[in-house]
């Protein structure tokens, strides 16, 4: 009885809530990029090259947040099964999340 209730109402609501949070986090990263790339030059302030690069690398984290949200949404659809799509999306999220660190480490050092 309680398991049916949780499966029917709580799990779909939790899936959408988790996806909404990941979208909000991605939008926050995009807003950070927008501030450095668009708003500051519009005000006449020119950010340095490293600040602009950091803002552009933040877009990788936005992609990672979206990929993680999609993977988590897919994973919670049927919790007992792990689909190939979920594994691919989690791998994409990890790759996007690590890319800014690797670029800073190997290209900028």
PDB file of N, CA and C in Angstrom:
ATOM      1  N   UNK A   1       0.825  -1.188   0.000  1.00  0.00           N
ATOM      2  CA  UNK A   1       0.000   0.000   0.000  1.00  0.00           C
ATOM      3  C   UNK A   1       0.875   1.260   0.000  1.00  0.00           C
ATOM      4  N   UNK A   2       1.803   1.371   0.959  1.00  0.00           N
ATOM      5  CA  UNK A   2       2.650   2.561   1.016  1.00  0.00           C
ATOM      6  C   UNK A   2       3.642   2.582  -0.142  1.00  0.00           C
ATOM      7  N   UNK A   3       4.095   1.396  -0.572  1.00  0.00           N
ATOM      8  CA  UNK A   3       5.023   1.325  -1.695  1.00  0.00           C
ATOM      9  C   UNK A   3       4.352   1.808  -2.975  1.00  0.00           C
ATOM     10  N   UNK A   4       3.104   1.433  -3.184  1.00  0.00           N
ATOM     11  CA  UNK A   4       2.373   1.908  -4.352  1.00  0.00           C
ATOM     12  C   UNK A   4       2.199   3.415  -4.309  1.00  0.00           C
ATOM     13  N   UNK A   5       1.921   3.951  -3.136  1.00  0.00           N
ATOM     14  CA  UNK A   5       1.750   5.393  -2.971  1.00  0.00           C
ATOM     15  C   UNK A   5       3.047   6.133  -3.307  1.00  0.00           C
ATOM     16  N   UNK A   6       4.169   5.620  -2.791  1.00  0.00           N
ATOM     17  CA  UNK A   6       5.458   6.260  -3.064  1.00  0.00           C
ATOM     18  C   UNK A   6       5.832   6.162  -4.534  1.00  0.00           C
ATOM     19  N   UNK A   7       5.609   5.004  -5.124  1.00  0.00           N
ATOM     20  CA  UNK A   7       5.943   4.835  -6.541  1.00  0.00           C
ATOM     21  C   UNK A   7       5.068   5.703  -7.438  1.00  0.00           C
ATOM     22  N   UNK A   8       3.852   5.897  -7.031  1.00  0.00           N
ATOM     23  CA  UNK A   8       2.915   6.620  -7.885  1.00  0.00           C
ATOM     24  C   UNK A   8       3.045   8.137  -7.769  1.00  0.00           C
ATOM     25  N   UNK A   9       3.285   8.650  -6.550  1.00  0.00           N
ATOM     26  CA  UNK A   9       3.259  10.098  -6.356  1.00  0.00           C
ATOM     27  C   UNK A   9       4.617  10.702  -6.018  1.00  0.00           C
ATOM     28  N   UNK A  10       5.365  10.061  -5.128  1.00  0.00           N
ATOM     29  CA  UNK A  10       6.604  10.671  -4.661  1.00  0.00           C
ATOM     30  C   UNK A  10       7.710  10.588  -5.703  1.00  0.00           C
ATOM     31  N   UNK A  11       7.901   9.448  -6.318  1.00  0.00           N
ATOM     32  CA  UNK A  11       9.007   9.267  -7.252  1.00  0.00           C
ATOM     33  C   UNK A  11       8.898  10.181  -8.472  1.00  0.00           C
ATOM     34  N   UNK A  12       7.737  10.312  -9.114  1.00  0.00           N
ATOM     35  CA  UNK A  12       7.670  11.272 -10.239  1.00  0.00           C
ATOM     36  C   UNK A  12       7.894  12.714  -9.794  1.00  0.00           C
ATOM     37  N   UNK A  13       7.383  13.077  -8.646  1.00  0.00           N
ATOM     38  CA  UNK A  13       7.599  14.445  -8.151  1.00  0.00           C
ATOM     39  C   UNK A  13       9.078  14.672  -7.844  1.00  0.00           C
ATOM     40  N   UNK A  14       9.736  13.680  -7.287  1.00  0.00           N
ATOM     41  CA  UNK A  14      11.161  13.792  -6.986  1.00  0.00           C
ATOM     42  C   UNK A  14      11.986  13.874  -8.262  1.00  0.00           C
ATOM     43  N   UNK A  15      11.595  13.116  -9.290  1.00  0.00           N
ATOM     44  CA  UNK A  15      12.297  13.170 -10.575  1.00  0.00           C
ATOM     45  C   UNK A  15      12.239  14.568 -11.161  1.00  0.00           C
ATOM     46  N   UNK A  16      11.052  15.155 -11.191  1.00  0.00           N
ATOM     47  CA  UNK A  16      10.906  16.488 -11.765  1.00  0.00           C
ATOM     48  C   UNK A  16      11.587  17.542 -10.914  1.00  0.00           C
ATOM     49  N   UNK A  17      11.557  17.370  -9.602  1.00  0.00           N
ATOM     50  CA  UNK A  17      12.244  18.310  -8.715  1.00  0.00           C
ATOM     51  C   UNK A  17      13.754  18.255  -8.938  1.00  0.00           C
ATOM     52  N   UNK A  18      14.311  17.070  -9.049  1.00  0.00           N
ATOM     53  CA  UNK A  18      15.749  16.927  -9.294  1.00  0.00           C
ATOM     54  C   UNK A  18      16.132  17.522 -10.645  1.00  0.00           C
ATOM     55  N   UNK A  19      15.325  17.298 -11.660  1.00  0.00           N
ATOM     56  CA  UNK A  19      15.591  17.880 -12.974  1.00  0.00           C
ATOM     57  C   UNK A  19      15.500  19.400 -12.927  1.00  0.00           C
ATOM     58  N   UNK A  20      14.521  19.926 -12.209  1.00  0.00           N
ATOM     59  CA  UNK A  20      14.383  21.377 -12.069  1.00  0.00           C
ATOM     60  C   UNK A  20      15.569  22.002 -11.357  1.00  0.00           C
ATOM     61  N   UNK A  21      16.073  21.331 -10.337  1.00  0.00           N
ATOM     62  CA  UNK A  21      17.246  21.849  -9.614  1.00  0.00           C
ATOM     63  C   UNK A  21      18.470  21.846 -10.525  1.00  0.00           C
ATOM     64  N   UNK A  22      18.657  20.789 -11.295  1.00  0.00           N
ATOM     65  CA  UNK A  22      19.807  20.749 -12.212  1.00  0.00           C
ATOM     66  C   UNK A  22      19.693  21.825 -13.294  1.00  0.00           C
ATOM     67  N   UNK A  23      18.493  22.099 -13.779  1.00  0.00           N
ATOM     68  CA  UNK A  23      18.303  23.169 -14.753  1.00  0.00           C
ATOM     69  C   UNK A  23      18.590  24.524 -14.120  1.00  0.00           C
ATOM     70  N   UNK A  24      18.170  24.721 -12.872  1.00  0.00           N
ATOM     71  CA  UNK A  24      18.443  25.985 -12.181  1.00  0.00           C
ATOM     72  C   UNK A  24      19.946  26.187 -11.984  1.00  0.00           C
ATOM     73  N   UNK A  25      20.663  25.139 -11.651  1.00  0.00           N
ATOM     74  CA  UNK A  25      22.113  25.232 -11.494  1.00  0.00           C
ATOM     75  C   UNK A  25      22.771  25.568 -12.831  1.00  0.00           C
ATOM     76  N   UNK A  26      22.314  24.923 -13.902  1.00  0.00           N
ATOM     77  CA  UNK A  26      22.860  25.218 -15.230  1.00  0.00           C
ATOM     78  C   UNK A  26      22.581  26.664 -15.628  1.00  0.00           C
ATOM     79  N   UNK A  27      21.404  27.156 -15.334  1.00  0.00           N
ATOM     80  CA  UNK A  27      21.087  28.555 -15.638  1.00  0.00           C
ATOM     81  C   UNK A  27      21.940  29.520 -14.827  1.00  0.00           C
ATOM     82  N   UNK A  28      22.282  29.141 -13.615  1.00  0.00           N
ATOM     83  CA  UNK A  28      23.177  29.972 -12.808  1.00  0.00           C
ATOM     84  C   UNK A  28      24.564  30.059 -13.451  1.00  0.00           C
ATOM     85  N   UNK A  29      25.067  28.944 -13.962  1.00  0.00           N
ATOM     86  CA  UNK A  29      26.355  28.969 -14.659  1.00  0.00           C
ATOM     87  C   UNK A  29      26.286  29.808 -15.932  1.00  0.00           C
ATOM     88  N   UNK A  30      25.184  29.708 -16.659  1.00  0.00           N
ATOM     89  CA  UNK A  30      25.019  30.502 -17.873  1.00  0.00           C
ATOM     90  C   UNK A  30      24.930  31.987 -17.526  1.00  0.00           C
ATOM     91  N   UNK A  31      24.270  32.318 -16.423  1.00  0.00           N
ATOM     92  CA  UNK A  31      24.190  33.713 -15.991  1.00  0.00           C
ATOM     93  C   UNK A  31      25.569  34.249 -15.621  1.00  0.00           C
ATOM     94  N   UNK A  32      26.398  33.415 -15.025  1.00  0.00           N
ATOM     95  CA  UNK A  32      27.769  33.822 -14.711  1.00  0.00           C
ATOM     96  C   UNK A  32      28.524  34.117 -16.001  1.00  0.00           C
ATOM     97  N   UNK A  33      28.407  33.262 -17.002  1.00  0.00           N
ATOM     98  CA  UNK A  33      29.064  33.494 -18.288  1.00  0.00           C
ATOM     99  C   UNK A  33      28.528  34.757 -18.937  1.00  0.00           C
ATOM    100  N   UNK A  34      27.219  34.942 -18.895  1.00  0.00           N
ATOM    101  CA  UNK A  34      26.591  36.112 -19.516  1.00  0.00           C
ATOM    102  C   UNK A  34      27.116  37.401 -18.895  1.00  0.00           C
ATOM    103  N   UNK A  35      27.300  37.412 -17.585  1.00  0.00           N
ATOM    104  CA  UNK A  35      27.793  38.598 -16.893  1.00  0.00           C
ATOM    105  C   UNK A  35      29.189  38.970 -17.388  1.00  0.00           C
ATOM    106  N   UNK A  36      30.083  37.982 -17.452  1.00  0.00           N
ATOM    107  CA  UNK A  36      31.461  38.268 -17.841  1.00  0.00           C
ATOM    108  C   UNK A  36      31.615  38.510 -19.336  1.00  0.00           C
ATOM    109  N   UNK A  37      30.824  37.814 -20.135  1.00  0.00           N
ATOM    110  CA  UNK A  37      31.013  37.874 -21.580  1.00  0.00           C
ATOM    111  C   UNK A  37      30.198  38.990 -22.243  1.00  0.00           C
ATOM    112  N   UNK A  38      29.040  39.337 -21.694  1.00  0.00           N
ATOM    113  CA  UNK A  38      28.147  40.276 -22.357  1.00  0.00           C
ATOM    114  C   UNK A  38      27.937  41.546 -21.546  1.00  0.00           C
ATOM    115  N   UNK A  39      27.593  41.402 -20.277  1.00  0.00           N
ATOM    116  CA  UNK A  39      27.216  42.578 -19.488  1.00  0.00           C
ATOM    117  C   UNK A  39      28.401  43.500 -19.203  1.00  0.00           C
ATOM    118  N   UNK A  40      29.517  42.964 -18.768  1.00  0.00           N
ATOM    119  CA  UNK A  40      30.665  43.824 -18.465  1.00  0.00           C
ATOM    120  C   UNK A  40      31.172  44.588 -19.686  1.00  0.00           C
ATOM    121  N   UNK A  41      31.335  43.952 -20.850  1.00  0.00           N
ATOM    122  CA  UNK A  41      31.729  44.746 -22.025  1.00  0.00           C
ATOM    123  C   UNK A  41      30.679  45.790 -22.423  1.00  0.00           C
ATOM    124  N   UNK A  42      29.407  45.496 -22.182  1.00  0.00           N
ATOM    125  CA  UNK A  42      28.359  46.477 -22.493  1.00  0.00           C
ATOM    126  C   UNK A  42      28.465  47.693 -21.588  1.00  0.00           C
ATOM    127  N   UNK A  43      28.961  47.509 -20.388  1.00  0.00           N
ATOM    128  CA  UNK A  43      29.143  48.626 -19.452  1.00  0.00           C
ATOM    129  C   UNK A  43      30.466  49.348 -19.680  1.00  0.00           C
ATOM    130  N   UNK A  44      31.284  48.839 -20.561  1.00  0.00           N
ATOM    131  CA  UNK A  44      32.556  49.464 -20.866  1.00  0.00           C
ATOM    132  C   UNK A  44      33.745  48.874 -20.123  1.00  0.00           C
ATOM    133  N   UNK A  45      33.516  47.869 -19.314  1.00  0.00           N
ATOM    134  CA  UNK A  45      34.604  47.220 -18.574  1.00  0.00           C
ATOM    135  C   UNK A  45      35.054  45.992 -19.365  1.00  0.00           C
ATOM    136  N   UNK A  46      36.313  45.910 -19.615  1.00  0.00           N
ATOM    137  CA  UNK A  46      36.832  44.768 -20.357  1.00  0.00           C
ATOM    138  C   UNK A  46      37.513  43.791 -19.394  1.00  0.00           C
ATOM    139  N   UNK A  47      36.951  42.601 -19.236  1.00  0.00           N
ATOM    140  CA  UNK A  47      37.594  41.611 -18.366  1.00  0.00           C
ATOM    141  C   UNK A  47      38.898  41.120 -18.985  1.00  0.00           C
ATOM    142  N   UNK A  48      39.759  40.629 -18.126  1.00  0.00           N
ATOM    143  CA  UNK A  48      41.042  40.112 -18.621  1.00  0.00           C
ATOM    144  C   UNK A  48      40.828  38.809 -19.381  1.00  0.00           C
ATOM    145  N   UNK A  49      41.886  38.371 -20.015  1.00  0.00           N
ATOM    146  CA  UNK A  49      41.808  37.140 -20.817  1.00  0.00           C
ATOM    147  C   UNK A  49      41.506  35.924 -19.937  1.00  0.00           C
ATOM    148  N   UNK A  50      42.116  35.860 -18.762  1.00  0.00           N
ATOM    149  CA  UNK A  50      41.875  34.709 -17.880  1.00  0.00           C
ATOM    150  C   UNK A  50      40.449  34.730 -17.316  1.00  0.00           C
ATOM    151  N   UNK A  51      39.918  35.905 -17.027  1.00  0.00           N
ATOM    152  CA  UNK A  51      38.539  35.978 -16.543  1.00  0.00           C
ATOM    153  C   UNK A  51      37.551  35.552 -17.624  1.00  0.00           C
ATOM    154  N   UNK A  52      37.816  35.960 -18.858  1.00  0.00           N
ATOM    155  CA  UNK A  52      36.955  35.559 -19.964  1.00  0.00           C
ATOM    156  C   UNK A  52      37.041  34.054 -20.201  1.00  0.00           C
ATOM    157  N   UNK A  53      38.250  33.504 -20.115  1.00  0.00           N
ATOM    158  CA  UNK A  53      38.408  32.060 -20.279  1.00  0.00           C
ATOM    159  C   UNK A  53      37.689  31.301 -19.166  1.00  0.00           C
ATOM    160  N   UNK A  54      37.798  31.771 -17.943  1.00  0.00           N
ATOM    161  CA  UNK A  54      37.093  31.119 -16.833  1.00  0.00           C
ATOM    162  C   UNK A  54      35.586  31.170 -17.039  1.00  0.00           C
ATOM    163  N   UNK A  55      35.095  32.283 -17.555  1.00  0.00           N
ATOM    164  CA  UNK A  55      33.660  32.384 -17.822  1.00  0.00           C
ATOM    165  C   UNK A  55      33.248  31.402 -18.912  1.00  0.00           C
ATOM    166  N   UNK A  56      34.076  31.251 -19.922  1.00  0.00           N
ATOM    167  CA  UNK A  56      33.746  30.303 -20.990  1.00  0.00           C
ATOM    168  C   UNK A  56      33.846  28.854 -20.510  1.00  0.00           C
ATOM    169  N   UNK A  57      34.787  28.576 -19.634  1.00  0.00           N
ATOM    170  CA  UNK A  57      34.902  27.220 -19.088  1.00  0.00           C
ATOM    171  C   UNK A  57      33.716  26.881 -18.182  1.00  0.00           C
ATOM    172  N   UNK A  58      33.075  27.897 -17.644  1.00  0.00           N
ATOM    173  CA  UNK A  58      31.908  27.669 -16.806  1.00  0.00           C
ATOM    174  C   UNK A  58      30.771  27.053 -17.615  1.00  0.00           C
ATOM    175  N   UNK A  59      30.750  27.286 -18.910  1.00  0.00           N
ATOM    176  CA  UNK A  59      29.714  26.677 -19.747  1.00  0.00           C
ATOM    177  C   UNK A  59      29.828  25.159 -19.778  1.00  0.00           C
ATOM    178  N   UNK A  60      31.036  24.634 -19.572  1.00  0.00           N
ATOM    179  CA  UNK A  60      31.179  23.179 -19.463  1.00  0.00           C
ATOM    180  C   UNK A  60      30.442  22.667 -18.229  1.00  0.00           C
ATOM    181  N   UNK A  61      30.495  23.436 -17.139  1.00  0.00           N
ATOM    182  CA  UNK A  61      29.776  23.018 -15.930  1.00  0.00           C
ATOM    183  C   UNK A  61      28.276  23.104 -16.129  1.00  0.00           C
ATOM    184  N   UNK A  62      27.827  24.063 -16.930  1.00  0.00           N
ATOM    185  CA  UNK A  62      26.403  24.122 -17.256  1.00  0.00           C
ATOM    186  C   UNK A  62      25.995  22.869 -18.028  1.00  0.00           C
ATOM    187  N   UNK A  63      26.817  22.465 -18.980  1.00  0.00           N
ATOM    188  CA  UNK A  63      26.539  21.228 -19.714  1.00  0.00           C
ATOM    189  C   UNK A  63      26.576  20.010 -18.811  1.00  0.00           C
ATOM    190  N   UNK A  64      27.505  20.008 -17.857  1.00  0.00           N
ATOM    191  CA  UNK A  64      27.583  18.882 -16.914  1.00  0.00           C
ATOM    192  C   UNK A  64      26.336  18.821 -16.038  1.00  0.00           C
ATOM    193  N   UNK A  65      25.858  19.969 -15.595  1.00  0.00           N
ATOM    194  CA  UNK A  65      24.649  19.989 -14.761  1.00  0.00           C
ATOM    195  C   UNK A  65      23.442  19.493 -15.548  1.00  0.00           C
ATOM    196  N   UNK A  66      23.331  19.893 -16.809  1.00  0.00           N
ATOM    197  CA  UNK A  66      22.214  19.426 -17.633  1.00  0.00           C
ATOM    198  C   UNK A  66      22.317  17.927 -17.929  1.00  0.00           C
ATOM    199  N   UNK A  67      23.511  17.448 -18.218  1.00  0.00           N
ATOM    200  CA  UNK A  67      23.687  16.016 -18.479  1.00  0.00           C
ATOM    201  C   UNK A  67      23.404  15.196 -17.220  1.00  0.00           C
ATOM    202  N   UNK A  68      23.850  15.704 -16.066  1.00  0.00           N
ATOM    203  CA  UNK A  68      23.576  14.996 -14.812  1.00  0.00           C
ATOM    204  C   UNK A  68      22.081  14.974 -14.522  1.00  0.00           C
ATOM    205  N   UNK A  69      21.409  16.084 -14.755  1.00  0.00           N
ATOM    206  CA  UNK A  69      19.963  16.125 -14.534  1.00  0.00           C
ATOM    207  C   UNK A  69      19.227  15.158 -15.435  1.00  0.00           C
ATOM    208  N   UNK A  70      19.619  15.095 -16.698  1.00  0.00           N
ATOM    209  CA  UNK A  70      18.973  14.162 -17.623  1.00  0.00           C
ATOM    210  C   UNK A  70      19.250  12.715 -17.230  1.00  0.00           C
ATOM    211  N   UNK A  71      20.478  12.430 -16.814  1.00  0.00           N
ATOM    212  CA  UNK A  71      20.813  11.063 -16.405  1.00  0.00           C
ATOM    213  C   UNK A  71      20.071  10.668 -15.134  1.00  0.00           C
ATOM    214  N   UNK A  72      20.001  11.584 -14.191  1.00  0.00           N
ATOM    215  CA  UNK A  72      19.307  11.301 -12.938  1.00  0.00           C
ATOM    216  C   UNK A  72      17.812  11.106 -13.188  1.00  0.00           C
ATOM    217  N   UNK A  73      17.251  11.925 -14.079  1.00  0.00           N
ATOM    218  CA  UNK A  73      15.843  11.798 -14.448  1.00  0.00           C
ATOM    219  C   UNK A  73      15.578  10.441 -15.079  1.00  0.00           C
ATOM    220  N   UNK A  74      16.464  10.028 -15.972  1.00  0.00           N
ATOM    221  CA  UNK A  74      16.318   8.726 -16.632  1.00  0.00           C
ATOM    222  C   UNK A  74      16.519   7.581 -15.642  1.00  0.00           C
ATOM    223  N   UNK A  75      17.460   7.730 -14.735  1.00  0.00           N
ATOM    224  CA  UNK A  75      17.743   6.675 -13.764  1.00  0.00           C
ATOM    225  C   UNK A  75      16.584   6.474 -12.802  1.00  0.00           C
ATOM    226  N   UNK A  76      15.920   7.555 -12.433  1.00  0.00           N
ATOM    227  CA  UNK A  76      14.812   7.437 -11.487  1.00  0.00           C
ATOM    228  C   UNK A  76      13.511   6.976 -12.129  1.00  0.00           C
ATOM    229  N   UNK A  77      13.502   6.869 -13.453  1.00  0.00           N
ATOM    230  CA  UNK A  77      12.284   6.398 -14.119  1.00  0.00           C
ATOM    231  C   UNK A  77      11.981   4.972 -13.681  1.00  0.00           C
ATOM    232  N   UNK A  78      12.965   4.118 -13.773  1.00  0.00           N
ATOM    233  CA  UNK A  78      12.859   2.735 -13.305  1.00  0.00           C
ATOM    234  C   UNK A  78      14.096   2.487 -12.461  1.00  0.00           C
ATOM    235  N   UNK A  79      14.000   2.640 -11.128  1.00  0.00           N
ATOM    236  CA  UNK A  79      15.200   2.582 -10.296  1.00  0.00           C
ATOM    237  C   UNK A  79      15.920   1.245 -10.292  1.00  0.00           C
ATOM    238  N   UNK A  80      15.242   0.185 -10.654  1.00  0.00           N
ATOM    239  CA  UNK A  80      15.909  -1.113 -10.596  1.00  0.00           C
ATOM    240  C   UNK A  80      16.736  -1.395 -11.838  1.00  0.00           C
ATOM    241  N   UNK A  81      16.550  -0.600 -12.903  1.00  0.00           N
ATOM    242  CA  UNK A  81      17.284  -0.823 -14.143  1.00  0.00           C
ATOM    243  C   UNK A  81      18.206   0.358 -14.422  1.00  0.00           C
ATOM    244  N   UNK A  82      19.385   0.041 -14.880  1.00  0.00           N
ATOM    245  CA  UNK A  82      20.312   1.069 -15.341  1.00  0.00           C
ATOM    246  C   UNK A  82      20.392   0.944 -16.856  1.00  0.00           C
ATOM    247  N   UNK A  83      19.951   1.970 -17.538  1.00  0.00           N
ATOM    248  CA  UNK A  83      19.939   1.953 -18.993  1.00  0.00           C
ATOM    249  C   UNK A  83      21.271   2.459 -19.532  1.00  0.00           C
ATOM    250  N   UNK A  84      21.559   2.093 -20.756  1.00  0.00           N
ATOM    251  CA  UNK A  84      22.787   2.552 -21.409  1.00  0.00           C
ATOM    252  C   UNK A  84      22.789   4.072 -21.551  1.00  0.00           C
ATOM    253  N   UNK A  85      21.607   4.643 -21.749  1.00  0.00           N
ATOM    254  CA  UNK A  85      21.496   6.086 -21.874  1.00  0.00           C
ATOM    255  C   UNK A  85      21.897   6.776 -20.577  1.00  0.00           C
ATOM    256  N   UNK A  86      21.515   6.215 -19.432  1.00  0.00           N
ATOM    257  CA  UNK A  86      21.891   6.799 -18.144  1.00  0.00           C
ATOM    258  C   UNK A  86      23.399   6.761 -17.940  1.00  0.00           C
ATOM    259  N   UNK A  87      24.005   5.653 -18.290  1.00  0.00           N
ATOM    260  CA  UNK A  87      25.459   5.524 -18.147  1.00  0.00           C
ATOM    261  C   UNK A  87      26.165   6.519 -19.059  1.00  0.00           C
ATOM    262  N   UNK A  88      25.679   6.661 -20.286  1.00  0.00           N
ATOM    263  CA  UNK A  88      26.285   7.610 -21.222  1.00  0.00           C
ATOM    264  C   UNK A  88      26.124   9.051 -20.728  1.00  0.00           C
ATOM    265  N   UNK A  89      24.966   9.377 -20.190  1.00  0.00           N
ATOM    266  CA  UNK A  89      24.749  10.738 -19.690  1.00  0.00           C
ATOM    267  C   UNK A  89      25.580  11.024 -18.446  1.00  0.00           C
ATOM    268  N   UNK A  90      25.718  10.045 -17.553  1.00  0.00           N
ATOM    269  CA  UNK A  90      26.591  10.234 -16.392  1.00  0.00           C
ATOM    270  C   UNK A  90      28.044  10.409 -16.829  1.00  0.00           C
ATOM    271  N   UNK A  91      28.456   9.634 -17.825  1.00  0.00           N
ATOM    272  CA  UNK A  91      29.825   9.788 -18.337  1.00  0.00           C
ATOM    273  C   UNK A  91      30.027  11.152 -18.973  1.00  0.00           C
ATOM    274  N   UNK A  92      29.034  11.632 -19.691  1.00  0.00           N
ATOM    275  CA  UNK A  92      29.097  12.965 -20.287  1.00  0.00           C
ATOM    276  C   UNK A  92      29.158  14.041 -19.212  1.00  0.00           C
ATOM    277  N   UNK A  93      28.389  13.859 -18.142  1.00  0.00           N
ATOM    278  CA  UNK A  93      28.415  14.823 -17.039  1.00  0.00           C
ATOM    279  C   UNK A  93      29.793  14.868 -16.385  1.00  0.00           C
ATOM    280  N   UNK A  94      30.393  13.718 -16.180  1.00  0.00           N
ATOM    281  CA  UNK A  94      31.739  13.678 -15.596  1.00  0.00           C
ATOM    282  C   UNK A  94      32.754  14.310 -16.542  1.00  0.00           C
ATOM    283  N   UNK A  95      32.639  14.018 -17.824  1.00  0.00           N
ATOM    284  CA  UNK A  95      33.578  14.595 -18.788  1.00  0.00           C
ATOM    285  C   UNK A  95      33.453  16.107 -18.845  1.00  0.00           C
ATOM    286  N   UNK A  96      32.226  16.626 -18.888  1.00  0.00           N
ATOM    287  CA  UNK A  96      32.031  18.072 -18.898  1.00  0.00           C
ATOM    288  C   UNK A  96      32.481  18.713 -17.591  1.00  0.00           C
ATOM    289  N   UNK A  97      32.279  18.020 -16.494  1.00  0.00           N
ATOM    290  CA  UNK A  97      32.674  18.581 -15.203  1.00  0.00           C
ATOM    291  C   UNK A  97      34.174  18.642 -15.005  1.00  0.00           C
ATOM    292  N   UNK A  98      34.915  17.716 -15.584  1.00  0.00           N
ATOM    293  CA  UNK A  98      36.362  17.643 -15.404  1.00  0.00           C
ATOM    294  C   UNK A  98      37.110  18.489 -16.437  1.00  0.00           C
ATOM    295  N   UNK A  99      36.500  18.751 -17.564  1.00  0.00           N
ATOM    296  CA  UNK A  99      37.167  19.468 -18.651  1.00  0.00           C
ATOM    297  C   UNK A  99      37.739  20.819 -18.236  1.00  0.00           C
ATOM    298  N   UNK A 100      37.015  21.677 -17.507  1.00  0.00           N
ATOM    299  CA  UNK A 100      37.621  22.959 -17.116  1.00  0.00           C
ATOM    300  C   UNK A 100      38.884  22.803 -16.269  1.00  0.00           C
ATOM    301  N   UNK A 101      38.883  21.828 -15.362  1.00  0.00           N
ATOM    302  CA  UNK A 101      40.070  21.602 -14.548  1.00  0.00           C
ATOM    303  C   UNK A 101      41.252  21.142 -15.400  1.00  0.00           C
ATOM    304  N   UNK A 102      40.980  20.254 -16.341  1.00  0.00           N
ATOM    305  CA  UNK A 102      42.057  19.767 -17.204  1.00  0.00           C
ATOM    306  C   UNK A 102      42.600  20.870 -18.103  1.00  0.00           C
ATOM    307  N   UNK A 103      41.725  21.700 -18.632  1.00  0.00           N
ATOM    308  CA  UNK A 103      42.184  22.800 -19.475  1.00  0.00           C
ATOM    309  C   UNK A 103      43.035  23.767 -18.672  1.00  0.00           C
ATOM    310  N   UNK A 104      42.591  24.087 -17.466  1.00  0.00           N
ATOM    311  CA  UNK A 104      43.382  24.992 -16.624  1.00  0.00           C
ATOM    312  C   UNK A 104      44.719  24.364 -16.252  1.00  0.00           C
ATOM    313  N   UNK A 105      44.723  23.071 -15.989  1.00  0.00           N
ATOM    314  CA  UNK A 105      45.926  22.386 -15.528  1.00  0.00           C
ATOM    315  C   UNK A 105      46.965  22.246 -16.643  1.00  0.00           C
ATOM    316  N   UNK A 106      46.514  21.785 -17.822  1.00  0.00           N
ATOM    317  CA  UNK A 106      47.470  21.457 -18.867  1.00  0.00           C
ATOM    318  C   UNK A 106      47.709  22.569 -19.877  1.00  0.00           C
ATOM    319  N   UNK A 107      46.732  23.380 -20.150  1.00  0.00           N
ATOM    320  CA  UNK A 107      46.907  24.423 -21.142  1.00  0.00           C
ATOM    321  C   UNK A 107      47.362  25.753 -20.563  1.00  0.00           C
ATOM    322  N   UNK A 108      46.991  26.018 -19.343  1.00  0.00           N
ATOM    323  CA  UNK A 108      47.307  27.313 -18.769  1.00  0.00           C
ATOM    324  C   UNK A 108      48.499  27.294 -17.817  1.00  0.00           C
ATOM    325  N   UNK A 109      49.041  26.133 -17.553  1.00  0.00           N
ATOM    326  CA  UNK A 109      50.183  26.074 -16.629  1.00  0.00           C
ATOM    327  C   UNK A 109      51.508  26.131 -17.340  1.00  0.00           C
TER     328      UNK A 109
END
